[in-house]
Amino acid sequence: MTDFCTIANPTGFVEKTRLFRITKTSDGGHGLIRPRGTTAKKEFTLTWKDMTSADKAVLDAFVQANPGTTFTYTHHQTDDTYTVFLDEDDVSFTSVRSKYWSVSITLKET
């Protein structure tokens, strides 16, 4: 399995725990809820506000080489590894100044 590309750590990072559950409304109008599975999954949003052009090229090449596939992501603070996929169909890089970019991606655990 491919590892996530090696670039500078993100300047912004959000870790979310996704809980899977099924909700229904009964015929009497009561809310019903139950777990869909037994395992919660992680979701990571990584943001770079001043990504160098070199790191942009590496990330862009990684995204293009791994469409719709899973890969290994190593959490930059805990060193835990997760099998994830890119949540977006496209990644937008915004120029913030000469040779520096802003970008945000979301990785979801499988």
PDB file of N, CA and C in Angstrom:
ATOM      1  N   MET A   1       0.847  -1.173   0.000  1.00  0.00           N
ATOM      2  CA  MET A   1       0.000   0.000   0.000  1.00  0.00           C
ATOM      3  C   MET A   1       0.896   1.240   0.000  1.00  0.00           C
ATOM      4  N   THR A   2       0.464   2.249  -0.699  1.00  0.00           N
ATOM      5  CA  THR A   2       1.202   3.505  -0.812  1.00  0.00           C
ATOM      6  C   THR A   2       1.118   4.305   0.479  1.00  0.00           C
ATOM      7  N   ASP A   3       2.196   4.997   0.818  1.00  0.00           N
ATOM      8  CA  ASP A   3       2.204   5.920   1.955  1.00  0.00           C
ATOM      9  C   ASP A   3       1.885   7.323   1.456  1.00  0.00           C
ATOM     10  N   PHE A   4       1.243   8.117   2.313  1.00  0.00           N
ATOM     11  CA  PHE A   4       0.983   9.515   1.998  1.00  0.00           C
ATOM     12  C   PHE A   4       2.312  10.215   1.743  1.00  0.00           C
ATOM     13  N   CYS A   5       2.307  11.173   0.844  1.00  0.00           N
ATOM     14  CA  CYS A   5       3.535  11.845   0.429  1.00  0.00           C
ATOM     15  C   CYS A   5       4.231  12.553   1.597  1.00  0.00           C
ATOM     16  N   THR A   6       5.533  12.678   1.470  1.00  0.00           N
ATOM     17  CA  THR A   6       6.344  13.328   2.496  1.00  0.00           C
ATOM     18  C   THR A   6       6.509  14.798   2.152  1.00  0.00           C
ATOM     19  N   ILE A   7       5.800  15.637   2.899  1.00  0.00           N
ATOM     20  CA  ILE A   7       5.862  17.085   2.733  1.00  0.00           C
ATOM     21  C   ILE A   7       5.837  17.718   4.122  1.00  0.00           C
ATOM     22  N   ALA A   8       5.961  19.030   4.189  1.00  0.00           N
ATOM     23  CA  ALA A   8       5.935  19.726   5.482  1.00  0.00           C
ATOM     24  C   ALA A   8       4.619  19.453   6.209  1.00  0.00           C
ATOM     25  N   ASN A   9       4.681  19.424   7.546  1.00  0.00           N
ATOM     26  CA  ASN A   9       3.470  19.215   8.339  1.00  0.00           C
ATOM     27  C   ASN A   9       2.463  20.328   8.064  1.00  0.00           C
ATOM     28  N   PRO A  10       1.170  20.011   8.145  1.00  0.00           N
ATOM     29  CA  PRO A  10       0.155  21.045   7.902  1.00  0.00           C
ATOM     30  C   PRO A  10       0.193  22.130   8.978  1.00  0.00           C
ATOM     31  N   THR A  11      -0.246  23.321   8.582  1.00  0.00           N
ATOM     32  CA  THR A  11      -0.334  24.419   9.539  1.00  0.00           C
ATOM     33  C   THR A  11      -1.667  24.407  10.277  1.00  0.00           C
ATOM     34  N   GLY A  12      -2.646  23.720   9.724  1.00  0.00           N
ATOM     35  CA  GLY A  12      -3.940  23.540  10.370  1.00  0.00           C
ATOM     36  C   GLY A  12      -4.314  22.072  10.315  1.00  0.00           C
ATOM     37  N   PHE A  13      -4.943  21.573  11.379  1.00  0.00           N
ATOM     38  CA  PHE A  13      -5.240  20.149  11.458  1.00  0.00           C
ATOM     39  C   PHE A  13      -6.503  19.956  12.285  1.00  0.00           C
ATOM     40  N   VAL A  14      -7.476  19.230  11.729  1.00  0.00           N
ATOM     41  CA  VAL A  14      -8.701  18.889  12.455  1.00  0.00           C
ATOM     42  C   VAL A  14      -8.852  17.375  12.406  1.00  0.00           C
ATOM     43  N   GLU A  15      -9.019  16.767  13.566  1.00  0.00           N
ATOM     44  CA  GLU A  15      -9.262  15.331  13.663  1.00  0.00           C
ATOM     45  C   GLU A  15     -10.681  15.127  14.155  1.00  0.00           C
ATOM     46  N   LYS A  16     -11.454  14.364  13.413  1.00  0.00           N
ATOM     47  CA  LYS A  16     -12.850  14.127  13.759  1.00  0.00           C
ATOM     48  C   LYS A  16     -13.082  12.625  13.890  1.00  0.00           C
ATOM     49  N   THR A  17     -13.875  12.226  14.860  1.00  0.00           N
ATOM     50  CA  THR A  17     -14.294  10.834  14.983  1.00  0.00           C
ATOM     51  C   THR A  17     -15.691  10.720  14.398  1.00  0.00           C
ATOM     52  N   ARG A  18     -15.812   9.878  13.371  1.00  0.00           N
ATOM     53  CA  ARG A  18     -17.109   9.684  12.713  1.00  0.00           C
ATOM     54  C   ARG A  18     -17.808   8.478  13.333  1.00  0.00           C
ATOM     55  N   LEU A  19     -19.019   8.702  13.809  1.00  0.00           N
ATOM     56  CA  LEU A  19     -19.840   7.633  14.370  1.00  0.00           C
ATOM     57  C   LEU A  19     -20.907   7.257  13.353  1.00  0.00           C
ATOM     58  N   PHE A  20     -21.050   5.986  13.123  1.00  0.00           N
ATOM     59  CA  PHE A  20     -22.028   5.531  12.141  1.00  0.00           C
ATOM     60  C   PHE A  20     -23.243   4.997  12.878  1.00  0.00           C
ATOM     61  N   ARG A  21     -24.375   5.571  12.560  1.00  0.00           N
ATOM     62  CA  ARG A  21     -25.599   5.152  13.221  1.00  0.00           C
ATOM     63  C   ARG A  21     -26.761   5.265  12.251  1.00  0.00           C
ATOM     64  N   ILE A  22     -27.807   4.563  12.574  1.00  0.00           N
ATOM     65  CA  ILE A  22     -29.025   4.574  11.774  1.00  0.00           C
ATOM     66  C   ILE A  22     -30.107   5.252  12.597  1.00  0.00           C
ATOM     67  N   THR A  23     -30.746   6.248  12.002  1.00  0.00           N
ATOM     68  CA  THR A  23     -31.846   6.930  12.686  1.00  0.00           C
ATOM     69  C   THR A  23     -33.114   6.766  11.867  1.00  0.00           C
ATOM     70  N   LYS A  24     -34.208   6.570  12.554  1.00  0.00           N
ATOM     71  CA  LYS A  24     -35.516   6.425  11.916  1.00  0.00           C
ATOM     72  C   LYS A  24     -36.560   7.100  12.787  1.00  0.00           C
ATOM     73  N   THR A  25     -37.659   7.394  12.190  1.00  0.00           N
ATOM     74  CA  THR A  25     -38.814   7.883  12.930  1.00  0.00           C
ATOM     75  C   THR A  25     -39.893   6.816  12.843  1.00  0.00           C
ATOM     76  N   SER A  26     -40.398   6.386  13.992  1.00  0.00           N
ATOM     77  CA  SER A  26     -41.419   5.342  14.012  1.00  0.00           C
ATOM     78  C   SER A  26     -42.751   5.903  13.522  1.00  0.00           C
ATOM     79  N   ASP A  27     -43.693   5.017  13.285  1.00  0.00           N
ATOM     80  CA  ASP A  27     -45.028   5.431  12.843  1.00  0.00           C
ATOM     81  C   ASP A  27     -45.681   6.373  13.855  1.00  0.00           C
ATOM     82  N   GLY A  28     -45.330   6.211  15.130  1.00  0.00           N
ATOM     83  CA  GLY A  28     -45.886   7.066  16.177  1.00  0.00           C
ATOM     84  C   GLY A  28     -45.139   8.382  16.346  1.00  0.00           C
ATOM     85  N   GLY A  29     -44.094   8.606  15.516  1.00  0.00           N
ATOM     86  CA  GLY A  29     -43.352   9.850  15.579  1.00  0.00           C
ATOM     87  C   GLY A  29     -42.168   9.851  16.526  1.00  0.00           C
ATOM     88  N   HIS A  30     -41.874   8.704  17.123  1.00  0.00           N
ATOM     89  CA  HIS A  30     -40.750   8.611  18.044  1.00  0.00           C
ATOM     90  C   HIS A  30     -39.449   8.402  17.267  1.00  0.00           C
ATOM     91  N   GLY A  31     -38.398   9.018  17.769  1.00  0.00           N
ATOM     92  CA  GLY A  31     -37.083   8.847  17.145  1.00  0.00           C
ATOM     93  C   GLY A  31     -36.427   7.558  17.594  1.00  0.00           C
ATOM     94  N   LEU A  32     -35.890   6.828  16.643  1.00  0.00           N
ATOM     95  CA  LEU A  32     -35.178   5.588  16.938  1.00  0.00           C
ATOM     96  C   LEU A  32     -33.746   5.728  16.420  1.00  0.00           C
ATOM     97  N   ILE A  33     -32.798   5.254  17.194  1.00  0.00           N
ATOM     98  CA  ILE A  33     -31.399   5.331  16.784  1.00  0.00           C
ATOM     99  C   ILE A  33     -30.673   4.076  17.250  1.00  0.00           C
ATOM    100  N   ARG A  34     -29.768   3.588  16.398  1.00  0.00           N
ATOM    101  CA  ARG A  34     -28.942   2.448  16.779  1.00  0.00           C
ATOM    102  C   ARG A  34     -27.625   2.525  16.020  1.00  0.00           C
ATOM    103  N   PRO A  35     -26.585   1.900  16.563  1.00  0.00           N
ATOM    104  CA  PRO A  35     -25.302   1.909  15.862  1.00  0.00           C
ATOM    105  C   PRO A  35     -25.386   1.129  14.549  1.00  0.00           C
ATOM    106  N   ARG A  36     -24.722   1.612  13.531  1.00  0.00           N
ATOM    107  CA  ARG A  36     -24.663   0.908  12.255  1.00  0.00           C
ATOM    108  C   ARG A  36     -23.552  -0.133  12.275  1.00  0.00           C
ATOM    109  N   GLY A  37     -22.480   0.172  12.968  1.00  0.00           N
ATOM    110  CA  GLY A  37     -21.347  -0.747  13.037  1.00  0.00           C
ATOM    111  C   GLY A  37     -20.763  -0.721  14.427  1.00  0.00           C
ATOM    112  N   THR A  38     -19.639  -1.365  14.568  1.00  0.00           N
ATOM    113  CA  THR A  38     -19.027  -1.458  15.890  1.00  0.00           C
ATOM    114  C   THR A  38     -17.804  -0.556  16.036  1.00  0.00           C
ATOM    115  N   THR A  39     -17.358   0.066  14.941  1.00  0.00           N
ATOM    116  CA  THR A  39     -16.121   0.834  14.979  1.00  0.00           C
ATOM    117  C   THR A  39     -16.346   2.256  14.496  1.00  0.00           C
ATOM    118  N   ALA A  40     -15.861   3.207  15.268  1.00  0.00           N
ATOM    119  CA  ALA A  40     -15.856   4.600  14.812  1.00  0.00           C
ATOM    120  C   ALA A  40     -14.661   4.778  13.882  1.00  0.00           C
ATOM    121  N   LYS A  41     -14.775   5.693  12.941  1.00  0.00           N
ATOM    122  CA  LYS A  41     -13.707   5.967  11.974  1.00  0.00           C
ATOM    123  C   LYS A  41     -13.224   7.402  12.148  1.00  0.00           C
ATOM    124  N   LYS A  42     -11.977   7.632  11.779  1.00  0.00           N
ATOM    125  CA  LYS A  42     -11.379   8.958  11.873  1.00  0.00           C
ATOM    126  C   LYS A  42     -11.477   9.702  10.547  1.00  0.00           C
ATOM    127  N   GLU A  43     -11.518  11.009  10.649  1.00  0.00           N
ATOM    128  CA  GLU A  43     -11.477  11.894   9.489  1.00  0.00           C
ATOM    129  C   GLU A  43     -10.494  13.012   9.825  1.00  0.00           C
ATOM    130  N   PHE A  44      -9.584  13.288   8.893  1.00  0.00           N
ATOM    131  CA  PHE A  44      -8.553  14.293   9.117  1.00  0.00           C
ATOM    132  C   PHE A  44      -8.650  15.371   8.044  1.00  0.00           C
ATOM    133  N   THR A  45      -8.700  16.619   8.467  1.00  0.00           N
ATOM    134  CA  THR A  45      -8.644  17.741   7.535  1.00  0.00           C
ATOM    135  C   THR A  45      -7.302  18.428   7.742  1.00  0.00           C
ATOM    136  N   LEU A  46      -6.489  18.405   6.693  1.00  0.00           N
ATOM    137  CA  LEU A  46      -5.149  18.977   6.738  1.00  0.00           C
ATOM    138  C   LEU A  46      -5.145  20.252   5.914  1.00  0.00           C
ATOM    139  N   THR A  47      -4.597  21.322   6.487  1.00  0.00           N
ATOM    140  CA  THR A  47      -4.562  22.613   5.819  1.00  0.00           C
ATOM    141  C   THR A  47      -3.140  23.160   5.843  1.00  0.00           C
ATOM    142  N   TRP A  48      -2.720  23.647   4.701  1.00  0.00           N
ATOM    143  CA  TRP A  48      -1.438  24.346   4.596  1.00  0.00           C
ATOM    144  C   TRP A  48      -1.738  25.764   4.137  1.00  0.00           C
ATOM    145  N   LYS A  49      -1.274  26.762   4.866  1.00  0.00           N
ATOM    146  CA  LYS A  49      -1.509  28.161   4.486  1.00  0.00           C
ATOM    147  C   LYS A  49      -0.352  28.741   3.698  1.00  0.00           C
ATOM    148  N   ASP A  50       0.838  28.173   3.851  1.00  0.00           N
ATOM    149  CA  ASP A  50       2.046  28.636   3.157  1.00  0.00           C
ATOM    150  C   ASP A  50       2.824  27.444   2.611  1.00  0.00           C
ATOM    151  N   MET A  51       2.202  26.653   1.763  1.00  0.00           N
ATOM    152  CA  MET A  51       2.872  25.492   1.180  1.00  0.00           C
ATOM    153  C   MET A  51       3.831  25.964   0.084  1.00  0.00           C
ATOM    154  N   THR A  52       5.042  25.451   0.107  1.00  0.00           N
ATOM    155  CA  THR A  52       6.016  25.817  -0.922  1.00  0.00           C
ATOM    156  C   THR A  52       5.614  25.206  -2.266  1.00  0.00           C
ATOM    157  N   SER A  53       6.128  25.770  -3.326  1.00  0.00           N
ATOM    158  CA  SER A  53       5.850  25.229  -4.661  1.00  0.00           C
ATOM    159  C   SER A  53       6.372  23.805  -4.796  1.00  0.00           C
ATOM    160  N   ALA A  54       7.484  23.498  -4.131  1.00  0.00           N
ATOM    161  CA  ALA A  54       8.031  22.134  -4.180  1.00  0.00           C
ATOM    162  C   ALA A  54       7.073  21.141  -3.515  1.00  0.00           C
ATOM    163  N   ASP A  55       6.542  21.494  -2.329  1.00  0.00           N
ATOM    164  CA  ASP A  55       5.577  20.614  -1.659  1.00  0.00           C
ATOM    165  C   ASP A  55       4.276  20.530  -2.444  1.00  0.00           C
ATOM    166  N   LYS A  56       3.871  21.620  -3.074  1.00  0.00           N
ATOM    167  CA  LYS A  56       2.666  21.613  -3.909  1.00  0.00           C
ATOM    168  C   LYS A  56       2.828  20.601  -5.038  1.00  0.00           C
ATOM    169  N   ALA A  57       3.984  20.602  -5.679  1.00  0.00           N
ATOM    170  CA  ALA A  57       4.232  19.667  -6.780  1.00  0.00           C
ATOM    171  C   ALA A  57       4.168  18.218  -6.296  1.00  0.00           C
ATOM    172  N   VAL A  58       4.723  17.956  -5.108  1.00  0.00           N
ATOM    173  CA  VAL A  58       4.703  16.595  -4.550  1.00  0.00           C
ATOM    174  C   VAL A  58       3.269  16.174  -4.224  1.00  0.00           C
ATOM    175  N   LEU A  59       2.509  17.041  -3.556  1.00  0.00           N
ATOM    176  CA  LEU A  59       1.125  16.715  -3.201  1.00  0.00           C
ATOM    177  C   LEU A  59       0.262  16.549  -4.443  1.00  0.00           C
ATOM    178  N   ASP A  60       0.410  17.439  -5.410  1.00  0.00           N
ATOM    179  CA  ASP A  60      -0.372  17.351  -6.640  1.00  0.00           C
ATOM    180  C   ASP A  60      -0.075  16.049  -7.377  1.00  0.00           C
ATOM    181  N   ALA A  61       1.183  15.668  -7.458  1.00  0.00           N
ATOM    182  CA  ALA A  61       1.561  14.413  -8.116  1.00  0.00           C
ATOM    183  C   ALA A  61       0.976  13.215  -7.364  1.00  0.00           C
ATOM    184  N   PHE A  62       0.985  13.281  -6.025  1.00  0.00           N
ATOM    185  CA  PHE A  62       0.416  12.194  -5.221  1.00  0.00           C
ATOM    186  C   PHE A  62      -1.083  12.052  -5.478  1.00  0.00           C
ATOM    187  N   VAL A  63      -1.796  13.176  -5.481  1.00  0.00           N
ATOM    188  CA  VAL A  63      -3.245  13.155  -5.713  1.00  0.00           C
ATOM    189  C   VAL A  63      -3.555  12.574  -7.092  1.00  0.00           C
ATOM    190  N   GLN A  64      -2.808  12.983  -8.100  1.00  0.00           N
ATOM    191  CA  GLN A  64      -3.054  12.498  -9.457  1.00  0.00           C
ATOM    192  C   GLN A  64      -2.696  11.020  -9.612  1.00  0.00           C
ATOM    193  N   ALA A  65      -1.706  10.552  -8.872  1.00  0.00           N
ATOM    194  CA  ALA A  65      -1.273   9.153  -8.985  1.00  0.00           C
ATOM    195  C   ALA A  65      -2.144   8.195  -8.172  1.00  0.00           C
ATOM    196  N   ASN A  66      -2.959   8.725  -7.256  1.00  0.00           N
ATOM    197  CA  ASN A  66      -3.739   7.865  -6.357  1.00  0.00           C
ATOM    198  C   ASN A  66      -5.224   8.212  -6.334  1.00  0.00           C
ATOM    199  N   PRO A  67      -5.865   8.332  -7.490  1.00  0.00           N
ATOM    200  CA  PRO A  67      -7.297   8.658  -7.481  1.00  0.00           C
ATOM    201  C   PRO A  67      -8.132   7.450  -7.047  1.00  0.00           C
ATOM    202  N   GLY A  68      -8.989   7.670  -6.086  1.00  0.00           N
ATOM    203  CA  GLY A  68      -9.912   6.615  -5.670  1.00  0.00           C
ATOM    204  C   GLY A  68      -9.249   5.423  -5.011  1.00  0.00           C
ATOM    205  N   THR A  69      -8.033   5.569  -4.508  1.00  0.00           N
ATOM    206  CA  THR A  69      -7.349   4.458  -3.859  1.00  0.00           C
ATOM    207  C   THR A  69      -7.128   4.763  -2.384  1.00  0.00           C
ATOM    208  N   THR A  70      -6.845   3.718  -1.632  1.00  0.00           N
ATOM    209  CA  THR A  70      -6.510   3.898  -0.229  1.00  0.00           C
ATOM    210  C   THR A  70      -4.997   3.957  -0.086  1.00  0.00           C
ATOM    211  N   PHE A  71      -4.565   4.589   0.980  1.00  0.00           N
ATOM    212  CA  PHE A  71      -3.141   4.708   1.258  1.00  0.00           C
ATOM    213  C   PHE A  71      -2.954   4.854   2.760  1.00  0.00           C
ATOM    214  N   THR A  72      -1.724   4.762   3.207  1.00  0.00           N
ATOM    215  CA  THR A  72      -1.400   4.850   4.632  1.00  0.00           C
ATOM    216  C   THR A  72      -1.057   6.286   4.996  1.00  0.00           C
ATOM    217  N   TYR A  73      -1.717   6.797   6.020  1.00  0.00           N
ATOM    218  CA  TYR A  73      -1.427   8.137   6.541  1.00  0.00           C
ATOM    219  C   TYR A  73      -0.899   7.974   7.963  1.00  0.00           C
ATOM    220  N   THR A  74       0.241   8.578   8.256  1.00  0.00           N
ATOM    221  CA  THR A  74       0.809   8.574   9.601  1.00  0.00           C
ATOM    222  C   THR A  74       0.521   9.922  10.254  1.00  0.00           C
ATOM    223  N   HIS A  75      -0.221   9.869  11.345  1.00  0.00           N
ATOM    224  CA  HIS A  75      -0.598  11.061  12.102  1.00  0.00           C
ATOM    225  C   HIS A  75       0.675  11.785  12.522  1.00  0.00           C
ATOM    226  N   HIS A  76       0.791  13.057  12.196  1.00  0.00           N
ATOM    227  CA  HIS A  76       2.035  13.785  12.435  1.00  0.00           C
ATOM    228  C   HIS A  76       2.284  14.123  13.904  1.00  0.00           C
ATOM    229  N   GLN A  77       1.299  13.925  14.781  1.00  0.00           N
ATOM    230  CA  GLN A  77       1.505  14.214  16.201  1.00  0.00           C
ATOM    231  C   GLN A  77       1.615  12.946  17.050  1.00  0.00           C
ATOM    232  N   THR A  78       0.921  11.875  16.648  1.00  0.00           N
ATOM    233  CA  THR A  78       0.905  10.653  17.462  1.00  0.00           C
ATOM    234  C   THR A  78       1.683   9.502  16.839  1.00  0.00           C
ATOM    235  N   ASP A  79       2.027   9.613  15.566  1.00  0.00           N
ATOM    236  CA  ASP A  79       2.691   8.538  14.806  1.00  0.00           C
ATOM    237  C   ASP A  79       1.816   7.306  14.621  1.00  0.00           C
ATOM    238  N   ASP A  80       0.514   7.391  14.935  1.00  0.00           N
ATOM    239  CA  ASP A  80      -0.418   6.301  14.627  1.00  0.00           C
ATOM    240  C   ASP A  80      -0.637   6.268  13.118  1.00  0.00           C
ATOM    241  N   THR A  81      -0.836   5.086  12.556  1.00  0.00           N
ATOM    242  CA  THR A  81      -1.077   4.975  11.119  1.00  0.00           C
ATOM    243  C   THR A  81      -2.525   4.585  10.862  1.00  0.00           C
ATOM    244  N   TYR A  82      -3.058   5.103   9.765  1.00  0.00           N
ATOM    245  CA  TYR A  82      -4.446   4.861   9.371  1.00  0.00           C
ATOM    246  C   TYR A  82      -4.489   4.560   7.880  1.00  0.00           C
ATOM    247  N   THR A  83      -5.410   3.688   7.482  1.00  0.00           N
ATOM    248  CA  THR A  83      -5.679   3.466   6.061  1.00  0.00           C
ATOM    249  C   THR A  83      -6.798   4.431   5.682  1.00  0.00           C
ATOM    250  N   VAL A  84      -6.505   5.333   4.750  1.00  0.00           N
ATOM    251  CA  VAL A  84      -7.414   6.422   4.417  1.00  0.00           C
ATOM    252  C   VAL A  84      -7.575   6.558   2.903  1.00  0.00           C
ATOM    253  N   PHE A  85      -8.513   7.410   2.514  1.00  0.00           N
ATOM    254  CA  PHE A  85      -8.673   7.806   1.117  1.00  0.00           C
ATOM    255  C   PHE A  85      -8.971   9.298   1.078  1.00  0.00           C
ATOM    256  N   LEU A  86      -8.702   9.928  -0.065  1.00  0.00           N
ATOM    257  CA  LEU A  86      -9.009  11.353  -0.245  1.00  0.00           C
ATOM    258  C   LEU A  86     -10.507  11.514  -0.395  1.00  0.00           C
ATOM    259  N   ASP A  87     -11.091  12.445   0.350  1.00  0.00           N
ATOM    260  CA  ASP A  87     -12.535  12.647   0.296  1.00  0.00           C
ATOM    261  C   ASP A  87     -12.961  13.474  -0.913  1.00  0.00           C
ATOM    262  N   GLU A  88     -12.060  14.244  -1.480  1.00  0.00           N
ATOM    263  CA  GLU A  88     -12.417  15.132  -2.584  1.00  0.00           C
ATOM    264  C   GLU A  88     -12.109  14.490  -3.936  1.00  0.00           C
ATOM    265  N   ASP A  89     -12.878  14.888  -4.955  1.00  0.00           N
ATOM    266  CA  ASP A  89     -12.575  14.496  -6.327  1.00  0.00           C
ATOM    267  C   ASP A  89     -11.547  15.441  -6.934  1.00  0.00           C
ATOM    268  N   ASP A  90     -11.413  16.627  -6.354  1.00  0.00           N
ATOM    269  CA  ASP A  90     -10.432  17.584  -6.856  1.00  0.00           C
ATOM    270  C   ASP A  90      -9.814  18.335  -5.674  1.00  0.00           C
ATOM    271  N   VAL A  91      -8.600  18.792  -5.872  1.00  0.00           N
ATOM    272  CA  VAL A  91      -7.882  19.545  -4.851  1.00  0.00           C
ATOM    273  C   VAL A  91      -7.510  20.892  -5.458  1.00  0.00           C
ATOM    274  N   SER A  92      -7.874  21.976  -4.778  1.00  0.00           N
ATOM    275  CA  SER A  92      -7.614  23.321  -5.282  1.00  0.00           C
ATOM    276  C   SER A  92      -6.455  23.954  -4.524  1.00  0.00           C
ATOM    277  N   PHE A  93      -5.487  24.430  -5.278  1.00  0.00           N
ATOM    278  CA  PHE A  93      -4.355  25.157  -4.718  1.00  0.00           C
ATOM    279  C   PHE A  93      -4.565  26.638  -5.001  1.00  0.00           C
ATOM    280  N   THR A  94      -4.465  27.477  -3.974  1.00  0.00           N
ATOM    281  CA  THR A  94      -4.648  28.912  -4.121  1.00  0.00           C
ATOM    282  C   THR A  94      -3.314  29.610  -3.865  1.00  0.00           C
ATOM    283  N   SER A  95      -2.893  30.425  -4.806  1.00  0.00           N
ATOM    284  CA  SER A  95      -1.634  31.161  -4.654  1.00  0.00           C
ATOM    285  C   SER A  95      -1.818  32.249  -3.603  1.00  0.00           C
ATOM    286  N   VAL A  96      -0.928  32.262  -2.604  1.00  0.00           N
ATOM    287  CA  VAL A  96      -1.004  33.288  -1.562  1.00  0.00           C
ATOM    288  C   VAL A  96       0.060  34.360  -1.748  1.00  0.00           C
ATOM    289  N   ARG A  97       1.132  34.006  -2.399  1.00  0.00           N
ATOM    290  CA  ARG A  97       2.179  34.932  -2.825  1.00  0.00           C
ATOM    291  C   ARG A  97       3.119  34.127  -3.712  1.00  0.00           C
ATOM    292  N   SER A  98       4.109  34.763  -4.250  1.00  0.00           N
ATOM    293  CA  SER A  98       5.006  34.095  -5.185  1.00  0.00           C
ATOM    294  C   SER A  98       5.602  32.818  -4.585  1.00  0.00           C
ATOM    295  N   LYS A  99       5.324  31.690  -5.231  1.00  0.00           N
ATOM    296  CA  LYS A  99       5.867  30.377  -4.879  1.00  0.00           C
ATOM    297  C   LYS A  99       5.322  29.795  -3.577  1.00  0.00           C
ATOM    298  N   TYR A 100       4.200  30.313  -3.076  1.00  0.00           N
ATOM    299  CA  TYR A 100       3.564  29.769  -1.879  1.00  0.00           C
ATOM    300  C   TYR A 100       2.074  29.586  -2.134  1.00  0.00           C
ATOM    301  N   TRP A 101       1.515  28.500  -1.556  1.00  0.00           N
ATOM    302  CA  TRP A 101       0.152  28.088  -1.862  1.00  0.00           C
ATOM    303  C   TRP A 101      -0.623  27.770  -0.594  1.00  0.00           C
ATOM    304  N   SER A 102      -1.933  27.873  -0.710  1.00  0.00           N
ATOM    305  CA  SER A 102      -2.845  27.466   0.344  1.00  0.00           C
ATOM    306  C   SER A 102      -3.670  26.309  -0.197  1.00  0.00           C
ATOM    307  N   VAL A 103      -3.826  25.261   0.625  1.00  0.00           N
ATOM    308  CA  VAL A 103      -4.601  24.096   0.198  1.00  0.00           C
ATOM    309  C   VAL A 103      -5.134  23.367   1.434  1.00  0.00           C
ATOM    310  N   SER A 104      -6.263  22.712   1.266  1.00  0.00           N
ATOM    311  CA  SER A 104      -6.858  21.916   2.337  1.00  0.00           C
ATOM    312  C   SER A 104      -7.353  20.613   1.731  1.00  0.00           C
ATOM    313  N   ILE A 105      -7.072  19.492   2.409  1.00  0.00           N
ATOM    314  CA  ILE A 105      -7.569  18.190   1.964  1.00  0.00           C
ATOM    315  C   ILE A 105      -8.189  17.461   3.146  1.00  0.00           C
ATOM    316  N   THR A 106      -9.101  16.549   2.846  1.00  0.00           N
ATOM    317  CA  THR A 106      -9.722  15.730   3.876  1.00  0.00           C
ATOM    318  C   THR A 106      -9.435  14.272   3.578  1.00  0.00           C
ATOM    319  N   LEU A 107      -8.958  13.571   4.598  1.00  0.00           N
ATOM    320  CA  LEU A 107      -8.672  12.148   4.499  1.00  0.00           C
ATOM    321  C   LEU A 107      -9.660  11.410   5.393  1.00  0.00           C
ATOM    322  N   LYS A 108     -10.288  10.356   4.874  1.00  0.00           N
ATOM    323  CA  LYS A 108     -11.230   9.571   5.656  1.00  0.00           C
ATOM    324  C   LYS A 108     -10.716   8.158   5.819  1.00  0.00           C
ATOM    325  N   GLU A 109     -10.817   7.672   7.042  1.00  0.00           N
ATOM    326  CA  GLU A 109     -10.390   6.300   7.339  1.00  0.00           C
ATOM    327  C   GLU A 109     -11.372   5.315   6.713  1.00  0.00           C
ATOM    328  N   THR A 110     -10.826   4.208   6.202  1.00  0.00           N
ATOM    329  CA  THR A 110     -11.697   3.200   5.585  1.00  0.00           C
ATOM    330  C   THR A 110     -12.236   2.250   6.625  1.00  0.00           C
TER     331      THR A 110
END
